[in-house]
PDB file of N, CA and C in Angstrom:
ATOM      1  N   MET A   1      26.918 -14.942  30.639  1.00  0.00           N
ATOM      2  CA  MET A   1      27.362 -14.214  29.468  1.00  0.00           C
ATOM      3  C   MET A   1      28.817 -13.776  29.683  1.00  0.00           C
ATOM      4  N   ARG A   2      29.615 -13.933  28.660  1.00  0.00           N
ATOM      5  CA  ARG A   2      31.030 -13.573  28.765  1.00  0.00           C
ATOM      6  C   ARG A   2      31.208 -12.065  28.646  1.00  0.00           C
ATOM      7  N   LYS A   3      32.335 -11.595  29.159  1.00  0.00           N
ATOM      8  CA  LYS A   3      32.644 -10.169  29.045  1.00  0.00           C
ATOM      9  C   LYS A   3      33.134  -9.830  27.642  1.00  0.00           C
ATOM     10  N   SER A   4      33.766 -10.781  26.977  1.00  0.00           N
ATOM     11  CA  SER A   4      34.231 -10.555  25.603  1.00  0.00           C
ATOM     12  C   SER A   4      34.167 -11.867  24.827  1.00  0.00           C
ATOM     13  N   TYR A   5      34.094 -11.738  23.533  1.00  0.00           N
ATOM     14  CA  TYR A   5      34.002 -12.900  22.650  1.00  0.00           C
ATOM     15  C   TYR A   5      35.095 -12.808  21.596  1.00  0.00           C
ATOM     16  N   ASP A   6      35.604 -13.947  21.174  1.00  0.00           N
ATOM     17  CA  ASP A   6      36.648 -14.006  20.155  1.00  0.00           C
ATOM     18  C   ASP A   6      36.003 -14.360  18.813  1.00  0.00           C
ATOM     19  N   PHE A   7      35.990 -13.400  17.900  1.00  0.00           N
ATOM     20  CA  PHE A   7      35.411 -13.609  16.573  1.00  0.00           C
ATOM     21  C   PHE A   7      36.487 -13.801  15.505  1.00  0.00           C
ATOM     22  N   SER A   8      37.720 -14.052  15.916  1.00  0.00           N
ATOM     23  CA  SER A   8      38.809 -14.179  14.944  1.00  0.00           C
ATOM     24  C   SER A   8      38.628 -15.385  14.019  1.00  0.00           C
ATOM     25  N   ASN A   9      37.930 -16.412  14.451  1.00  0.00           N
ATOM     26  CA  ASN A   9      37.694 -17.593  13.615  1.00  0.00           C
ATOM     27  C   ASN A   9      36.291 -17.603  13.006  1.00  0.00           C
ATOM     28  N   ALA A  10      35.599 -16.498  13.119  1.00  0.00           N
ATOM     29  CA  ALA A  10      34.229 -16.428  12.596  1.00  0.00           C
ATOM     30  C   ALA A  10      34.238 -16.450  11.071  1.00  0.00           C
ATOM     31  N   LYS A  11      33.198 -17.031  10.497  1.00  0.00           N
ATOM     32  CA  LYS A  11      33.052 -17.099   9.041  1.00  0.00           C
ATOM     33  C   LYS A  11      31.899 -16.195   8.615  1.00  0.00           C
ATOM     34  N   PRO A  12      31.986 -15.605   7.420  1.00  0.00           N
ATOM     35  CA  PRO A  12      30.876 -14.784   6.937  1.00  0.00           C
ATOM     36  C   PRO A  12      29.610 -15.630   6.781  1.00  0.00           C
ATOM     37  N   ASN A  13      28.485 -15.015   6.987  1.00  0.00           N
ATOM     38  CA  ASN A  13      27.201 -15.696   6.850  1.00  0.00           C
ATOM     39  C   ASN A  13      26.958 -16.028   5.379  1.00  0.00           C
ATOM     40  N   PRO A  14      26.853 -17.314   5.016  1.00  0.00           N
ATOM     41  CA  PRO A  14      26.643 -17.670   3.605  1.00  0.00           C
ATOM     42  C   PRO A  14      25.250 -17.297   3.106  1.00  0.00           C
ATOM     43  N   TYR A  15      24.343 -16.991   4.011  1.00  0.00           N
ATOM     44  CA  TYR A  15      22.977 -16.653   3.622  1.00  0.00           C
ATOM     45  C   TYR A  15      22.736 -15.147   3.578  1.00  0.00           C
ATOM     46  N   ALA A  16      23.748 -14.363   3.860  1.00  0.00           N
ATOM     47  CA  ALA A  16      23.577 -12.915   3.932  1.00  0.00           C
ATOM     48  C   ALA A  16      23.062 -12.329   2.621  1.00  0.00           C
ATOM     49  N   ARG A  17      23.486 -12.884   1.500  1.00  0.00           N
ATOM     50  CA  ARG A  17      23.050 -12.341   0.211  1.00  0.00           C
ATOM     51  C   ARG A  17      21.577 -12.623  -0.048  1.00  0.00           C
ATOM     52  N   LEU A  18      21.019 -13.575   0.675  1.00  0.00           N
ATOM     53  CA  LEU A  18      19.613 -13.920   0.491  1.00  0.00           C
ATOM     54  C   LEU A  18      18.681 -13.056   1.336  1.00  0.00           C
ATOM     55  N   LEU A  19      19.248 -12.233   2.195  1.00  0.00           N
ATOM     56  CA  LEU A  19      18.428 -11.390   3.058  1.00  0.00           C
ATOM     57  C   LEU A  19      17.687 -10.344   2.242  1.00  0.00           C
ATOM     58  N   LYS A  20      16.568  -9.923   2.768  1.00  0.00           N
ATOM     59  CA  LYS A  20      15.762  -8.917   2.081  1.00  0.00           C
ATOM     60  C   LYS A  20      16.239  -7.525   2.458  1.00  0.00           C
ATOM     61  N   ARG A  21      15.965  -6.574   1.580  1.00  0.00           N
ATOM     62  CA  ARG A  21      16.317  -5.182   1.810  1.00  0.00           C
ATOM     63  C   ARG A  21      15.041  -4.375   1.916  1.00  0.00           C
ATOM     64  N   GLN A  22      14.960  -3.504   2.881  1.00  0.00           N
ATOM     65  CA  GLN A  22      13.772  -2.688   3.057  1.00  0.00           C
ATOM     66  C   GLN A  22      13.795  -1.536   2.063  1.00  0.00           C
ATOM     67  N   VAL A  23      12.670  -1.348   1.353  1.00  0.00           N
ATOM     68  CA  VAL A  23      12.524  -0.246   0.411  1.00  0.00           C
ATOM     69  C   VAL A  23      11.171   0.417   0.644  1.00  0.00           C
ATOM     70  N   THR A  24      11.052   1.636   0.160  1.00  0.00           N
ATOM     71  CA  THR A  24       9.781   2.345   0.212  1.00  0.00           C
ATOM     72  C   THR A  24       9.207   2.360  -1.186  1.00  0.00           C
ATOM     73  N   ILE A  25       7.948   2.000  -1.310  1.00  0.00           N
ATOM     74  CA  ILE A  25       7.297   1.950  -2.614  1.00  0.00           C
ATOM     75  C   ILE A  25       5.895   2.530  -2.467  1.00  0.00           C
ATOM     76  N   ARG A  26       5.457   3.272  -3.456  1.00  0.00           N
ATOM     77  CA  ARG A  26       4.115   3.852  -3.439  1.00  0.00           C
ATOM     78  C   ARG A  26       3.216   2.999  -4.324  1.00  0.00           C
ATOM     79  N   LEU A  27       2.128   2.514  -3.734  1.00  0.00           N
ATOM     80  CA  LEU A  27       1.168   1.684  -4.453  1.00  0.00           C
ATOM     81  C   LEU A  27      -0.178   2.388  -4.458  1.00  0.00           C
ATOM     82  N   ASP A  28      -0.911   2.239  -5.563  1.00  0.00           N
ATOM     83  CA  ASP A  28      -2.243   2.833  -5.563  1.00  0.00           C
ATOM     84  C   ASP A  28      -3.158   2.011  -4.657  1.00  0.00           C
ATOM     85  N   GLU A  29      -4.209   2.643  -4.188  1.00  0.00           N
ATOM     86  CA  GLU A  29      -5.086   2.024  -3.193  1.00  0.00           C
ATOM     87  C   GLU A  29      -5.705   0.709  -3.658  1.00  0.00           C
ATOM     88  N   PRO A  30      -6.233   0.613  -4.896  1.00  0.00           N
ATOM     89  CA  PRO A  30      -6.814  -0.673  -5.316  1.00  0.00           C
ATOM     90  C   PRO A  30      -5.800  -1.823  -5.316  1.00  0.00           C
ATOM     91  N   THR A  31      -4.571  -1.546  -5.702  1.00  0.00           N
ATOM     92  CA  THR A  31      -3.537  -2.583  -5.708  1.00  0.00           C
ATOM     93  C   THR A  31      -3.230  -3.044  -4.292  1.00  0.00           C
ATOM     94  N   LEU A  32      -3.084  -2.097  -3.391  1.00  0.00           N
ATOM     95  CA  LEU A  32      -2.806  -2.438  -2.001  1.00  0.00           C
ATOM     96  C   LEU A  32      -3.960  -3.226  -1.389  1.00  0.00           C
ATOM     97  N   GLU A  33      -5.182  -2.805  -1.653  1.00  0.00           N
ATOM     98  CA  GLU A  33      -6.350  -3.516  -1.128  1.00  0.00           C
ATOM     99  C   GLU A  33      -6.431  -4.937  -1.685  1.00  0.00           C
ATOM    100  N   TYR A  34      -6.080  -5.107  -2.958  1.00  0.00           N
ATOM    101  CA  TYR A  34      -6.083  -6.441  -3.562  1.00  0.00           C
ATOM    102  C   TYR A  34      -5.165  -7.378  -2.783  1.00  0.00           C
ATOM    103  N   PHE A  35      -3.930  -6.943  -2.541  1.00  0.00           N
ATOM    104  CA  PHE A  35      -2.976  -7.800  -1.841  1.00  0.00           C
ATOM    105  C   PHE A  35      -3.351  -7.982  -0.370  1.00  0.00           C
ATOM    106  N   LYS A  36      -3.927  -6.970   0.249  1.00  0.00           N
ATOM    107  CA  LYS A  36      -4.360  -7.115   1.642  1.00  0.00           C
ATOM    108  C   LYS A  36      -5.497  -8.125   1.752  1.00  0.00           C
ATOM    109  N   ASN A  37      -6.460  -8.059   0.841  1.00  0.00           N
ATOM    110  CA  ASN A  37      -7.563  -9.025   0.860  1.00  0.00           C
ATOM    111  C   ASN A  37      -7.066 -10.440   0.566  1.00  0.00           C
ATOM    112  N   LEU A  38      -6.164 -10.552  -0.390  1.00  0.00           N
ATOM    113  CA  LEU A  38      -5.591 -11.854  -0.712  1.00  0.00           C
ATOM    114  C   LEU A  38      -4.823 -12.421   0.486  1.00  0.00           C
ATOM    115  N   SER A  39      -4.158 -11.544   1.211  1.00  0.00           N
ATOM    116  CA  SER A  39      -3.391 -11.998   2.375  1.00  0.00           C
ATOM    117  C   SER A  39      -4.304 -12.548   3.465  1.00  0.00           C
ATOM    118  N   LEU A  40      -5.494 -12.001   3.588  1.00  0.00           N
ATOM    119  CA  LEU A  40      -6.443 -12.523   4.574  1.00  0.00           C
ATOM    120  C   LEU A  40      -6.896 -13.930   4.201  1.00  0.00           C
ATOM    121  N   GLU A  41      -7.116 -14.154   2.905  1.00  0.00           N
ATOM    122  CA  GLU A  41      -7.523 -15.485   2.437  1.00  0.00           C
ATOM    123  C   GLU A  41      -6.419 -16.515   2.641  1.00  0.00           C
ATOM    124  N   MET A  42      -5.193 -16.107   2.394  1.00  0.00           N
ATOM    125  CA  MET A  42      -4.069 -17.044   2.410  1.00  0.00           C
ATOM    126  C   MET A  42      -3.330 -17.067   3.747  1.00  0.00           C
ATOM    127  N   THR A  43      -3.714 -16.200   4.661  1.00  0.00           N
ATOM    128  CA  THR A  43      -3.048 -16.049   5.967  1.00  0.00           C
ATOM    129  C   THR A  43      -1.532 -15.866   5.837  1.00  0.00           C
ATOM    130  N   ILE A  44      -1.164 -14.997   4.903  1.00  0.00           N
ATOM    131  CA  ILE A  44       0.228 -14.611   4.678  1.00  0.00           C
ATOM    132  C   ILE A  44       0.246 -13.085   4.694  1.00  0.00           C
ATOM    133  N   PRO A  45       1.219 -12.443   5.306  1.00  0.00           N
ATOM    134  CA  PRO A  45       1.270 -10.981   5.287  1.00  0.00           C
ATOM    135  C   PRO A  45       1.290 -10.442   3.850  1.00  0.00           C
ATOM    136  N   TYR A  46       0.586  -9.322   3.634  1.00  0.00           N
ATOM    137  CA  TYR A  46       0.489  -8.790   2.273  1.00  0.00           C
ATOM    138  C   TYR A  46       1.848  -8.398   1.714  1.00  0.00           C
ATOM    139  N   GLN A  47       2.772  -7.964   2.574  1.00  0.00           N
ATOM    140  CA  GLN A  47       4.111  -7.621   2.093  1.00  0.00           C
ATOM    141  C   GLN A  47       4.804  -8.857   1.526  1.00  0.00           C
ATOM    142  N   THR A  48       4.590  -9.992   2.151  1.00  0.00           N
ATOM    143  CA  THR A  48       5.172 -11.244   1.664  1.00  0.00           C
ATOM    144  C   THR A  48       4.571 -11.629   0.325  1.00  0.00           C
ATOM    145  N   LEU A  49       3.256 -11.452   0.173  1.00  0.00           N
ATOM    146  CA  LEU A  49       2.607 -11.763  -1.108  1.00  0.00           C
ATOM    147  C   LEU A  49       3.143 -10.880  -2.229  1.00  0.00           C
ATOM    148  N   ILE A  50       3.291  -9.598  -1.946  1.00  0.00           N
ATOM    149  CA  ILE A  50       3.832  -8.683  -2.958  1.00  0.00           C
ATOM    150  C   ILE A  50       5.245  -9.113  -3.332  1.00  0.00           C
ATOM    151  N   ASN A  51       6.066  -9.464  -2.339  1.00  0.00           N
ATOM    152  CA  ASN A  51       7.427  -9.919  -2.612  1.00  0.00           C
ATOM    153  C   ASN A  51       7.431 -11.198  -3.442  1.00  0.00           C
ATOM    154  N   LEU A  52       6.564 -12.155  -3.094  1.00  0.00           N
ATOM    155  CA  LEU A  52       6.493 -13.407  -3.854  1.00  0.00           C
ATOM    156  C   LEU A  52       6.096 -13.151  -5.304  1.00  0.00           C
ATOM    157  N   TYR A  53       5.129 -12.261  -5.513  1.00  0.00           N
ATOM    158  CA  TYR A  53       4.691 -11.949  -6.873  1.00  0.00           C
ATOM    159  C   TYR A  53       5.821 -11.284  -7.665  1.00  0.00           C
ATOM    160  N   LEU A  54       6.472 -10.309  -7.064  1.00  0.00           N
ATOM    161  CA  LEU A  54       7.565  -9.626  -7.761  1.00  0.00           C
ATOM    162  C   LEU A  54       8.739 -10.569  -8.012  1.00  0.00           C
ATOM    163  N   ARG A  55       9.010 -11.472  -7.072  1.00  0.00           N
ATOM    164  CA  ARG A  55      10.082 -12.454  -7.264  1.00  0.00           C
ATOM    165  C   ARG A  55       9.771 -13.358  -8.449  1.00  0.00           C
ATOM    166  N   GLU A  56       8.509 -13.795  -8.551  1.00  0.00           N
ATOM    167  CA  GLU A  56       8.112 -14.647  -9.677  1.00  0.00           C
ATOM    168  C   GLU A  56       8.241 -13.896 -11.000  1.00  0.00           C
ATOM    169  N   CYS A  57       7.833 -12.621 -11.008  1.00  0.00           N
ATOM    170  CA  CYS A  57       7.971 -11.810 -12.223  1.00  0.00           C
ATOM    171  C   CYS A  57       9.434 -11.706 -12.646  1.00  0.00           C
ATOM    172  N   ALA A  58      10.308 -11.479 -11.681  1.00  0.00           N
ATOM    173  CA  ALA A  58      11.739 -11.355 -11.984  1.00  0.00           C
ATOM    174  C   ALA A  58      12.320 -12.684 -12.451  1.00  0.00           C
ATOM    175  N   ALA A  59      11.925 -13.774 -11.814  1.00  0.00           N
ATOM    176  CA  ALA A  59      12.469 -15.093 -12.159  1.00  0.00           C
ATOM    177  C   ALA A  59      12.043 -15.539 -13.547  1.00  0.00           C
ATOM    178  N   THR A  60      10.835 -15.162 -13.959  1.00  0.00           N
ATOM    179  CA  THR A  60      10.323 -15.581 -15.266  1.00  0.00           C
ATOM    180  C   THR A  60      10.522 -14.510 -16.331  1.00  0.00           C
ATOM    181  N   HIS A  61      11.202 -13.426 -15.964  1.00  0.00           N
ATOM    182  CA  HIS A  61      11.458 -12.314 -16.895  1.00  0.00           C
ATOM    183  C   HIS A  61      10.160 -11.816 -17.527  1.00  0.00           C
ATOM    184  N   LYS A  62       9.156 -11.659 -16.701  1.00  0.00           N
ATOM    185  CA  LYS A  62       7.845 -11.207 -17.169  1.00  0.00           C
ATOM    186  C   LYS A  62       7.965  -9.791 -17.726  1.00  0.00           C
ATOM    187  N   HIS A  63       7.396  -9.587 -18.905  1.00  0.00           N
ATOM    188  CA  HIS A  63       7.392  -8.270 -19.533  1.00  0.00           C
ATOM    189  C   HIS A  63       6.035  -7.624 -19.332  1.00  0.00           C
ATOM    190  N   LEU A  64       6.046  -6.352 -19.039  1.00  0.00           N
ATOM    191  CA  LEU A  64       4.806  -5.618 -18.833  1.00  0.00           C
ATOM    192  C   LEU A  64       4.266  -5.107 -20.157  1.00  0.00           C
ATOM    193  N   ARG A  65       2.960  -5.125 -20.272  1.00  0.00           N
ATOM    194  CA  ARG A  65       2.311  -4.505 -21.428  1.00  0.00           C
ATOM    195  C   ARG A  65       1.736  -3.187 -20.940  1.00  0.00           C
ATOM    196  N   LEU A  66       2.413  -2.118 -21.250  1.00  0.00           N
ATOM    197  CA  LEU A  66       1.976  -0.807 -20.795  1.00  0.00           C
ATOM    198  C   LEU A  66       1.170  -0.122 -21.885  1.00  0.00           C
ATOM    199  N   ALA A  67       0.032   0.378 -21.516  1.00  0.00           N
ATOM    200  CA  ALA A  67      -0.806   1.145 -22.431  1.00  0.00           C
ATOM    201  C   ALA A  67      -1.173   2.431 -21.711  1.00  0.00           C
ATOM    202  N   TRP A  68      -0.420   3.471 -21.999  1.00  0.00           N
ATOM    203  CA  TRP A  68      -0.657   4.742 -21.329  1.00  0.00           C
ATOM    204  C   TRP A  68      -1.898   5.397 -21.908  1.00  0.00           C
ATOM    205  N   GLU A  69      -2.776   5.803 -21.047  1.00  0.00           N
ATOM    206  CA  GLU A  69      -3.985   6.487 -21.480  1.00  0.00           C
ATOM    207  C   GLU A  69      -3.862   7.955 -21.116  1.00  0.00           C
ATOM    208  N   THR A  70      -4.356   8.809 -22.016  1.00  0.00           N
ATOM    209  CA  THR A  70      -4.365  10.230 -21.708  1.00  0.00           C
ATOM    210  C   THR A  70      -5.637  10.544 -20.932  1.00  0.00           C
ATOM    211  N   PRO A  71      -5.545  11.439 -19.963  1.00  0.00           N
ATOM    212  CA  PRO A  71      -6.736  11.798 -19.203  1.00  0.00           C
ATOM    213  C   PRO A  71      -7.815  12.372 -20.119  1.00  0.00           C
ATOM    214  N   LYS A  72      -9.070  12.147 -19.757  1.00  0.00           N
ATOM    215  CA  LYS A  72     -10.178  12.648 -20.571  1.00  0.00           C
ATOM    216  C   LYS A  72     -10.091  14.160 -20.693  1.00  0.00           C
ATOM    217  N   GLY A  73     -10.300  14.639 -21.889  1.00  0.00           N
ATOM    218  CA  GLY A  73     -10.281  16.074 -22.132  1.00  0.00           C
ATOM    219  C   GLY A  73      -8.921  16.619 -22.521  1.00  0.00           C
ATOM    220  N   SER A  74      -7.857  15.853 -22.356  1.00  0.00           N
ATOM    221  CA  SER A  74      -6.535  16.340 -22.742  1.00  0.00           C
ATOM    222  C   SER A  74      -6.164  15.762 -24.099  1.00  0.00           C
ATOM    223  N   LYS A  75      -5.252  16.447 -24.758  1.00  0.00           N
ATOM    224  CA  LYS A  75      -4.816  16.016 -26.082  1.00  0.00           C
ATOM    225  C   LYS A  75      -3.463  15.325 -25.961  1.00  0.00           C
ATOM    226  N   PRO A  76      -3.272  14.223 -26.704  1.00  0.00           N
ATOM    227  CA  PRO A  76      -1.964  13.554 -26.668  1.00  0.00           C
ATOM    228  C   PRO A  76      -0.863  14.462 -27.175  1.00  0.00           C
ATOM    229  N   ALA A  77       0.334  14.313 -26.648  1.00  0.00           N
ATOM    230  CA  ALA A  77       1.474  15.155 -27.047  1.00  0.00           C
ATOM    231  C   ALA A  77       1.971  14.783 -28.413  1.00  0.00           C
TER     232      ALA A  77
END
């Protein structure tokens, strides 16, 4: 191993923009269990499956159909 290295001719990594970024996300238990069980079937880490699903949603511009429900016994605003 050298004592010093010359990086003056180094080029930026062309794949750096493709790297993943670590984020914290809160998932409900049934959703997490779904992806964990699916990961066992497919032998892929569940984090990778979640990323693949979200990537596909973003690539296809998938729109969510949200239907907010009010808790039982409460009145809508």
